[in-house]
Amino acid sequence: MLYHFFDWIEDFVKIPGAGMFQYISFRTSLAVIVSLLITTVFGKSLINLLQKKQIGESIRSLGLAGEKKKQGTPTMGGLIIIAGIVIPTLLFAQLDNIYVILLLLTTVWMGAIGFLDDYIKVFRKNKEGLAGKFKVIGQVGLGALIATTMFFHPDIVVREYIKEPNATSVVDVSFDQRTGMKSYSQDVKSTKTNIPFYKNNEFDYSRVLEYFGVSNKMLTFVLFLFVVVFIVTAVSNGANITDGIDGLATSVSAIMGGTLAILAYVSGNVIFSEYLNIMYIPYSGEMVVFAGAFVGACTGFLWYNAFPAQVFMGDTGSLAIGGIIAAFAILIRKELLIPVLCGVFLIENLSVIMQVSYFKYTKKRFGEGRRIFLMSPLHHHYQKRGYHESKIVTRFVIVSVMLAILTIVTLKMR
């Protein structure tokens, strides 16, 4: 709102410094600061309210060290994270930007699903919470909305160099001194995305169908829809599973958010994208402001969520941050980097899948279920081995930082 206010007032009154709101870097810095203030200062008030209303976590007995001390710790703290994301974004981002709109919608959508799950657990005293099928329906619905918007919305385009342009949509004309040829760039709808560790760094979903001798726009959309839905569901569930010990999901998510902010900035900047030889995505740079609010919210929440946690985010927070990371990566066409960037979420997901699958297989074959890990997901395995929560979180954070650096390095490592 402030961006639009100062943009409007500049037409009538010259206020010194008002032009700073035109810079993404300035508004991102403000978003980080305001987000930190909201989560640290006003977060305490919400925690006190949750304690007063006796909205506490009911801890299942898993035989883990320190679990009894966590009984009754306030939950639904994800509301703090959502406030720390939404309020700064509304204040400092361009609210008519389609990318910002989709990210805000993702935050509220996934936060609402998580809130409903927490509400059922806390107020209805149902430890199972929202039925899994309803969570999946919500995740699939969000993925379908993102895929449909990306595929058909006129403002979601990429800039490409072509030989024979449409005269009405030419953005720029350049002249190659070596070949003496002109090249034209224009904003076009595209099904391309970035692919890591590959020389030309681009992958077109339509090429998959062409490989099988099929070329159809709607079939390409169906393929893209399937990929987006799978990613949204997998990453949001990965964040949800990772949220098992104090500060883990929040800290690694902050690292992922910061990495996505860098990727969004270079993808939305014509100079950096040309230098790095990556896809330029017009209007996507505005997502950096949202990313700043996201990193600020996750970092500020750690003030109370670090060991020993004074509040848990619950599904309200974990589903929201997972959905945001997935949607963000898809919107900047870096979804194929998710296995690297979200490696912690991936390994947590895989540890559960491997444990359950192996248990069922051995029970069917030998009559007795066997386990790969002492407990899944993976962070509980290390707890069972006697590692302290803080040590586990610190080591997972180190791994997450390494994966974040590797993700950024892929921009030039091909």
Protein backbone atom coordinates (compact mmCIF):
# COMPACT_ATOMS: atom_id res chain seq x y z
CA MET A 1 0.00 0.00 0.00
CA LEU A 2 2.81 2.40 0.84
CA TYR A 3 4.39 1.76 -2.56
CA HIS A 4 1.19 2.79 -4.32
CA PHE A 5 0.68 5.72 -1.92
CA PHE A 6 4.12 7.22 -2.53
CA ASP A 7 3.84 6.48 -6.23
CA TRP A 8 0.56 8.43 -6.31
CA ILE A 9 1.73 11.30 -4.11
CA GLU A 10 4.88 11.79 -6.22
CA ASP A 11 2.62 13.04 -9.01
CA PHE A 12 1.46 15.93 -6.82
CA VAL A 13 4.02 16.58 -4.11
CA LYS A 14 7.77 16.15 -4.20
CA ILE A 15 8.69 14.53 -0.88
CA PRO A 16 12.43 14.02 -0.34
CA GLY A 17 13.24 10.33 -0.22
CA ALA A 18 9.86 9.19 -1.53
CA GLY A 19 11.55 7.89 -4.66
CA MET A 20 13.27 5.24 -2.53
CA PHE A 21 10.04 3.25 -2.62
CA GLN A 22 10.67 2.59 -6.30
CA TYR A 23 13.67 0.41 -5.38
CA ILE A 24 13.02 -3.26 -4.65
CA SER A 25 16.09 -3.47 -2.40
CA PHE A 26 14.81 -0.62 -0.19
CA ARG A 27 11.31 -2.06 0.16
CA THR A 28 12.72 -5.53 0.83
CA SER A 29 14.84 -4.15 3.67
CA LEU A 30 11.79 -2.47 5.17
CA ALA A 31 9.80 -5.71 4.80
CA VAL A 32 12.48 -7.64 6.71
CA ILE A 33 12.61 -5.05 9.52
CA VAL A 34 8.82 -4.76 9.92
CA SER A 35 8.44 -8.54 9.78
CA LEU A 36 11.02 -8.98 12.53
CA LEU A 37 9.24 -6.37 14.67
CA ILE A 38 5.85 -8.03 14.19
CA THR A 39 7.08 -11.53 15.02
CA THR A 40 9.26 -10.56 18.01
CA VAL A 41 7.27 -7.71 19.60
CA PHE A 42 3.67 -8.61 18.82
CA GLY A 43 4.43 -12.33 18.78
CA LYS A 44 4.81 -12.24 22.57
CA SER A 45 1.27 -10.87 22.93
CA LEU A 46 -0.11 -13.71 20.85
CA ILE A 47 1.82 -16.29 22.88
CA ASN A 48 0.37 -14.84 26.08
CA LEU A 49 -3.11 -15.00 24.56
CA LEU A 50 -2.61 -18.63 23.54
CA GLN A 51 -1.43 -19.46 27.06
CA LYS A 52 -4.42 -17.66 28.57
CA LYS A 53 -6.81 -19.59 26.34
CA GLN A 54 -4.90 -22.79 27.19
CA ILE A 55 -4.27 -23.53 23.53
CA GLY A 56 -1.45 -25.98 24.17
CA GLU A 57 0.15 -28.82 22.26
CA SER A 58 -0.86 -32.35 23.22
CA ILE A 59 2.37 -34.34 22.93
CA ARG A 60 2.18 -37.99 21.97
CA SER A 61 4.42 -40.30 23.97
CA LEU A 62 7.19 -41.34 21.58
CA GLY A 63 9.82 -42.16 24.17
CA LEU A 64 11.93 -39.13 23.24
CA ALA A 65 14.02 -37.10 25.67
CA GLY A 66 12.33 -33.95 26.97
CA GLU A 67 8.93 -34.60 25.40
CA LYS A 68 7.08 -34.33 28.74
CA LYS A 69 8.40 -30.79 29.26
CA LYS A 70 6.79 -29.73 25.97
CA GLN A 71 3.32 -30.80 27.08
CA GLY A 72 1.02 -27.78 27.04
CA THR A 73 3.35 -25.51 25.06
CA PRO A 74 1.20 -23.02 23.09
CA THR A 75 0.60 -24.06 19.50
CA MET A 76 -0.91 -22.36 16.41
CA GLY A 77 2.06 -19.97 16.52
CA GLY A 78 2.07 -20.11 12.74
CA LEU A 79 -0.34 -17.18 13.00
CA ILE A 80 2.69 -15.10 14.02
CA ILE A 81 4.55 -16.17 10.89
CA ILE A 82 1.57 -15.47 8.63
CA ALA A 83 1.12 -11.99 10.14
CA GLY A 84 4.86 -11.35 9.72
CA ILE A 85 4.56 -12.23 6.03
CA VAL A 86 1.23 -10.73 5.02
CA ILE A 87 1.41 -7.32 6.77
CA PRO A 88 4.84 -6.22 5.41
CA THR A 89 3.92 -7.51 1.95
CA LEU A 90 0.70 -5.49 1.96
CA LEU A 91 2.65 -2.44 3.07
CA PHE A 92 5.65 -2.53 0.74
CA ALA A 93 4.92 -4.70 -2.31
CA GLN A 94 3.11 -3.82 -5.53
CA LEU A 95 -0.30 -5.27 -4.83
CA ASP A 96 -1.31 -5.36 -8.50
CA ASN A 97 1.59 -7.71 -9.30
CA ILE A 98 0.27 -11.16 -10.21
CA TYR A 99 3.23 -12.93 -8.57
CA VAL A 100 2.66 -11.13 -5.27
CA ILE A 101 -1.07 -11.88 -5.43
CA LEU A 102 -0.40 -15.60 -5.93
CA LEU A 103 2.07 -15.72 -3.04
CA LEU A 104 -0.33 -13.93 -0.69
CA LEU A 105 -3.08 -16.31 -1.76
CA THR A 106 -0.78 -19.28 -1.13
CA THR A 107 0.04 -18.00 2.37
CA VAL A 108 -3.60 -17.55 3.36
CA TRP A 109 -4.77 -20.74 1.61
CA MET A 110 -2.25 -23.10 3.19
CA GLY A 111 -2.40 -21.24 6.50
CA ALA A 112 -6.17 -21.77 6.58
CA ILE A 113 -5.79 -25.52 5.98
CA GLY A 114 -3.21 -25.75 8.76
CA PHE A 115 -5.31 -23.60 11.08
CA LEU A 116 -8.31 -25.89 10.58
CA ASP A 117 -6.11 -28.91 11.38
CA ASP A 118 -4.79 -27.27 14.56
CA TYR A 119 -8.29 -26.14 15.55
CA ILE A 120 -9.60 -29.71 15.37
CA LYS A 121 -6.65 -30.98 17.42
CA VAL A 122 -6.87 -28.30 20.11
CA PHE A 123 -10.56 -27.49 20.46
CA ARG A 124 -12.15 -30.72 19.30
CA LYS A 125 -9.55 -32.77 21.20
CA ASN A 126 -9.00 -34.95 18.11
CA LYS A 127 -5.29 -35.80 17.95
CA GLU A 128 -5.60 -36.85 14.30
CA GLY A 129 -6.67 -33.36 13.26
CA LEU A 130 -8.00 -32.69 9.78
CA ALA A 131 -8.40 -35.85 7.72
CA GLY A 132 -5.49 -36.40 5.36
CA LYS A 133 -7.72 -36.49 2.28
CA PHE A 134 -8.96 -32.96 3.00
CA LYS A 135 -5.39 -31.70 3.34
CA VAL A 136 -4.53 -33.27 0.00
CA ILE A 137 -7.63 -31.74 -1.60
CA GLY A 138 -6.51 -28.32 -0.37
CA GLN A 139 -2.96 -28.82 -1.63
CA VAL A 140 -4.17 -30.10 -5.01
CA GLY A 141 -6.58 -27.17 -5.28
CA LEU A 142 -3.80 -24.66 -4.65
CA GLY A 143 -1.48 -26.39 -7.12
CA ALA A 144 -4.22 -26.36 -9.76
CA LEU A 145 -4.82 -22.66 -9.19
CA ILE A 146 -1.11 -21.79 -9.51
CA ALA A 147 -0.66 -23.94 -12.62
CA THR A 148 -3.75 -22.54 -14.32
CA THR A 149 -2.79 -18.94 -13.56
CA MET A 150 0.78 -19.43 -14.77
CA PHE A 151 -0.33 -21.13 -17.95
CA PHE A 152 -3.05 -18.69 -18.98
CA HIS A 153 -2.51 -15.32 -17.25
CA PRO A 154 -1.22 -12.71 -19.77
CA ASP A 155 1.19 -11.07 -17.29
CA ILE A 156 3.13 -14.26 -16.59
CA VAL A 157 5.61 -14.30 -19.45
CA VAL A 158 9.30 -14.75 -20.16
CA ARG A 159 11.55 -12.72 -22.42
CA GLU A 160 13.01 -14.64 -25.34
CA TYR A 161 15.24 -13.84 -28.29
CA ILE A 162 13.68 -14.71 -31.62
CA LYS A 163 14.46 -14.23 -35.31
CA GLU A 164 11.09 -13.19 -36.66
CA PRO A 165 9.21 -11.18 -34.05
CA ASN A 166 5.63 -10.05 -33.85
CA ALA A 167 6.01 -6.34 -34.51
CA THR A 168 3.47 -5.43 -31.85
CA SER A 169 5.28 -7.20 -29.05
CA VAL A 170 8.96 -6.41 -29.70
CA VAL A 171 10.67 -5.27 -26.51
CA ASP A 172 14.24 -4.73 -27.69
CA VAL A 173 16.42 -5.01 -30.77
CA SER A 174 20.13 -5.81 -30.56
CA PHE A 175 22.85 -6.06 -33.21
CA ASP A 176 25.50 -8.79 -33.20
CA GLN A 177 28.79 -7.27 -34.43
CA ARG A 178 30.26 -10.69 -35.30
CA THR A 179 27.46 -12.00 -37.47
CA GLY A 180 25.93 -8.72 -38.59
CA MET A 181 22.50 -10.10 -37.62
CA LYS A 182 19.76 -8.42 -35.66
CA SER A 183 18.15 -10.23 -32.74
CA TYR A 184 14.81 -9.35 -31.24
CA SER A 185 13.49 -9.94 -27.75
CA GLN A 186 9.87 -10.03 -26.74
CA ASP A 187 7.73 -11.16 -23.83
CA VAL A 188 5.97 -14.40 -24.66
CA LYS A 189 3.93 -17.10 -22.94
CA SER A 190 6.17 -20.08 -22.44
CA THR A 191 6.20 -23.56 -20.91
CA LYS A 192 9.94 -23.39 -20.33
CA THR A 193 11.64 -23.65 -16.97
CA ASN A 194 15.23 -23.61 -15.74
CA ILE A 195 17.04 -26.90 -15.35
CA PRO A 196 20.23 -27.23 -13.25
CA PHE A 197 23.55 -28.70 -14.40
CA TYR A 198 22.58 -28.36 -18.06
CA LYS A 199 24.38 -26.21 -20.63
CA ASN A 200 21.44 -24.33 -22.15
CA ASN A 201 19.75 -24.23 -18.73
CA GLU A 202 16.21 -24.50 -20.11
CA PHE A 203 13.65 -27.27 -20.21
CA ASP A 204 10.34 -27.08 -22.08
CA TYR A 205 7.44 -29.15 -20.79
CA SER A 206 6.02 -29.36 -24.30
CA ARG A 207 9.17 -31.20 -25.44
CA VAL A 208 8.20 -34.15 -23.25
CA LEU A 209 5.06 -34.67 -25.31
CA GLU A 210 6.90 -34.02 -28.58
CA TYR A 211 9.27 -36.85 -27.63
CA PHE A 212 6.26 -39.18 -27.82
CA GLY A 213 5.07 -37.62 -31.06
CA VAL A 214 2.33 -35.52 -29.43
CA SER A 215 2.00 -31.75 -29.72
CA ASN A 216 -1.04 -30.34 -27.97
CA LYS A 217 -1.40 -27.22 -25.80
CA MET A 218 -3.97 -28.71 -23.43
CA LEU A 219 -1.96 -31.90 -22.93
CA THR A 220 1.05 -29.71 -22.10
CA PHE A 221 -1.11 -27.91 -19.55
CA VAL A 222 -2.17 -31.23 -18.01
CA LEU A 223 1.49 -32.26 -17.66
CA PHE A 224 2.41 -28.90 -16.14
CA LEU A 225 -0.59 -29.13 -13.81
CA PHE A 226 0.51 -32.56 -12.60
CA VAL A 227 4.06 -31.34 -11.91
CA VAL A 228 2.90 -28.24 -10.00
CA VAL A 229 0.39 -30.16 -7.89
CA PHE A 230 3.02 -32.79 -7.05
CA ILE A 231 5.57 -30.14 -6.02
CA VAL A 232 3.13 -28.15 -3.87
CA THR A 233 1.94 -31.30 -2.11
CA ALA A 234 5.42 -32.76 -1.60
CA VAL A 235 7.09 -29.59 -0.31
CA SER A 236 4.25 -28.57 2.01
CA ASN A 237 4.19 -32.08 3.47
CA GLY A 238 7.97 -32.01 3.74
CA ALA A 239 7.86 -28.81 5.79
CA ASN A 240 5.10 -30.30 7.93
CA ILE A 241 7.14 -33.44 8.66
CA THR A 242 10.31 -31.43 9.35
CA ASP A 243 8.50 -29.42 12.03
CA GLY A 244 9.21 -31.94 14.76
CA ILE A 245 11.83 -30.38 17.03
CA ASP A 246 12.36 -26.84 18.29
CA GLY A 247 13.50 -24.40 15.62
CA LEU A 248 14.23 -26.92 12.86
CA ALA A 249 11.58 -26.15 10.24
CA THR A 250 11.77 -22.40 10.88
CA SER A 251 15.54 -22.10 10.54
CA VAL A 252 15.94 -24.20 7.39
CA SER A 253 12.93 -22.44 5.82
CA ALA A 254 14.55 -19.04 6.43
CA ILE A 255 17.64 -20.24 4.55
CA MET A 256 15.51 -21.51 1.66
CA GLY A 257 13.60 -18.22 1.59
CA GLY A 258 16.80 -16.19 1.40
CA THR A 259 18.05 -18.35 -1.46
CA LEU A 260 14.78 -17.94 -3.36
CA ALA A 261 15.04 -14.17 -2.85
CA ILE A 262 18.43 -14.18 -4.60
CA LEU A 263 17.09 -16.34 -7.44
CA ALA A 264 14.05 -14.09 -7.85
CA TYR A 265 16.20 -10.96 -7.91
CA VAL A 266 18.52 -12.19 -10.66
CA SER A 267 15.62 -13.69 -12.63
CA GLY A 268 13.69 -10.42 -12.47
CA ASN A 269 16.66 -8.22 -13.35
CA VAL A 270 17.41 -7.97 -17.07
CA ILE A 271 21.12 -7.22 -16.53
CA PHE A 272 21.84 -10.06 -14.10
CA SER A 273 19.75 -12.58 -16.02
CA GLU A 274 21.62 -11.77 -19.23
CA TYR A 275 24.99 -11.97 -17.48
CA LEU A 276 24.13 -15.33 -15.90
CA ASN A 277 22.47 -16.51 -19.11
CA ILE A 278 19.28 -17.47 -17.35
CA MET A 279 15.65 -16.87 -18.21
CA TYR A 280 14.49 -13.28 -17.64
CA ILE A 281 11.03 -13.16 -16.08
CA PRO A 282 9.45 -9.69 -16.27
CA TYR A 283 7.72 -8.40 -13.09
CA SER A 284 9.05 -11.28 -10.97
CA GLY A 285 11.56 -9.09 -9.12
CA GLU A 286 8.70 -7.85 -6.94
CA MET A 287 8.66 -11.26 -5.29
CA VAL A 288 11.88 -10.31 -3.50
CA VAL A 289 9.85 -8.02 -1.21
CA PHE A 290 7.65 -10.96 -0.26
CA ALA A 291 10.73 -13.13 0.27
CA GLY A 292 12.15 -10.49 2.61
CA ALA A 293 8.98 -10.62 4.70
CA PHE A 294 9.13 -14.43 4.67
CA VAL A 295 12.74 -14.56 5.88
CA GLY A 296 12.02 -11.91 8.52
CA ALA A 297 8.98 -13.83 9.76
CA CYS A 298 10.82 -17.16 10.02
CA THR A 299 13.83 -15.55 11.71
CA GLY A 300 11.70 -13.54 14.13
CA PHE A 301 9.66 -16.62 15.03
CA LEU A 302 12.91 -18.32 16.06
CA TRP A 303 13.08 -15.78 18.92
CA TYR A 304 10.41 -17.88 20.63
CA ASN A 305 10.67 -21.18 18.76
CA ALA A 306 14.38 -21.91 19.35
CA PHE A 307 15.11 -24.52 22.01
CA PRO A 308 13.43 -24.59 24.46
CA ALA A 309 10.42 -23.52 22.40
CA GLN A 310 7.92 -21.12 23.99
CA VAL A 311 5.50 -21.72 21.11
CA PHE A 312 5.01 -24.22 18.29
CA MET A 313 4.00 -23.12 14.82
CA GLY A 314 1.63 -26.06 14.35
CA ASP A 315 0.29 -27.00 10.95
CA THR A 316 -0.84 -23.38 10.60
CA GLY A 317 2.77 -22.42 10.08
CA SER A 318 4.39 -25.55 8.63
CA LEU A 319 1.89 -26.06 5.80
CA ALA A 320 2.01 -22.34 4.99
CA ILE A 321 5.81 -22.10 4.75
CA GLY A 322 6.00 -25.32 2.73
CA GLY A 323 3.36 -24.08 0.30
CA ILE A 324 5.11 -20.71 0.00
CA ILE A 325 8.50 -22.25 -0.81
CA ALA A 326 6.94 -24.52 -3.44
CA ALA A 327 4.87 -21.76 -5.05
CA PHE A 328 7.81 -19.34 -5.02
CA ALA A 329 10.14 -21.79 -6.77
CA ILE A 330 7.49 -22.60 -9.39
CA LEU A 331 6.72 -18.95 -10.11
CA ILE A 332 10.37 -18.08 -10.78
CA ARG A 333 10.67 -21.28 -12.85
CA LYS A 334 13.24 -22.89 -10.56
CA GLU A 335 11.07 -25.82 -9.47
CA LEU A 336 13.61 -28.35 -10.76
CA LEU A 337 16.06 -26.97 -8.19
CA ILE A 338 13.75 -27.95 -5.31
CA PRO A 339 15.41 -31.37 -4.70
CA VAL A 340 18.65 -29.47 -4.07
CA LEU A 341 17.37 -26.39 -2.26
CA CYS A 342 14.80 -28.32 -0.18
CA GLY A 343 17.10 -31.26 0.41
CA VAL A 344 16.27 -31.29 4.13
CA PHE A 345 12.55 -31.55 3.37
CA LEU A 346 13.29 -34.24 0.78
CA ILE A 347 15.32 -36.46 3.07
CA GLU A 348 12.75 -36.08 5.86
CA ASN A 349 10.01 -37.15 3.45
CA LEU A 350 12.07 -40.04 2.12
CA SER A 351 12.92 -41.28 5.61
CA VAL A 352 9.21 -41.64 6.39
CA ILE A 353 8.44 -43.30 3.05
CA MET A 354 11.37 -45.72 3.41
CA GLN A 355 10.48 -46.56 7.00
CA VAL A 356 6.82 -47.25 6.32
CA SER A 357 7.45 -49.14 3.07
CA TYR A 358 10.18 -51.34 4.57
CA PHE A 359 8.07 -52.06 7.65
CA LYS A 360 5.10 -53.18 5.53
CA TYR A 361 7.32 -55.22 3.20
CA THR A 362 9.09 -57.09 6.01
CA LYS A 363 5.86 -57.67 7.89
CA LYS A 364 4.30 -59.21 4.80
CA ARG A 365 7.35 -61.34 4.00
CA PHE A 366 8.64 -62.30 7.44
CA GLY A 367 5.55 -61.80 9.59
CA GLU A 368 7.32 -59.16 11.62
CA GLY A 369 7.80 -55.52 10.65
CA ARG A 370 11.40 -54.25 10.64
CA ARG A 371 12.73 -50.71 10.58
CA ILE A 372 15.53 -48.90 8.77
CA PHE A 373 15.71 -46.03 11.26
CA LEU A 374 15.21 -46.06 15.02
CA MET A 375 12.34 -43.67 14.35
CA SER A 376 11.15 -41.56 11.46
CA PRO A 377 11.29 -38.82 10.32
CA LEU A 378 15.06 -38.60 10.33
CA HIS A 379 15.44 -35.97 13.08
CA HIS A 380 13.73 -38.35 15.55
CA HIS A 381 16.20 -41.08 14.56
CA TYR A 382 19.03 -38.86 15.81
CA GLN A 383 17.08 -38.04 18.95
CA LYS A 384 16.79 -41.77 19.62
CA ARG A 385 20.55 -42.04 19.21
CA GLY A 386 20.98 -39.55 22.04
CA TYR A 387 21.72 -36.32 20.18
CA HIS A 388 20.38 -33.14 21.75
CA GLU A 389 17.76 -31.18 19.81
CA SER A 390 20.02 -28.14 19.49
CA LYS A 391 22.83 -30.20 17.96
CA ILE A 392 20.44 -31.83 15.48
CA VAL A 393 19.02 -28.44 14.43
CA THR A 394 22.47 -26.90 14.08
CA ARG A 395 23.70 -29.72 11.86
CA PHE A 396 20.57 -29.64 9.71
CA VAL A 397 21.03 -25.88 9.33
CA ILE A 398 24.64 -26.40 8.20
CA VAL A 399 23.45 -28.93 5.62
CA SER A 400 20.73 -26.51 4.49
CA VAL A 401 23.29 -23.71 4.06
CA MET A 402 25.49 -26.00 1.95
CA LEU A 403 22.50 -26.94 -0.22
CA ALA A 404 21.55 -23.27 -0.57
CA ILE A 405 25.06 -22.40 -1.78
CA LEU A 406 24.97 -25.32 -4.22
CA THR A 407 21.60 -24.09 -5.50
CA ILE A 408 23.02 -20.64 -6.24
CA VAL A 409 26.17 -22.12 -7.78
CA THR A 410 23.99 -24.01 -10.31
CA LEU A 411 23.36 -20.66 -12.00
CA LYS A 412 26.87 -20.92 -13.48
CA MET A 413 27.75 -24.61 -12.99
CA ARG A 414 26.51 -26.29 -16.20
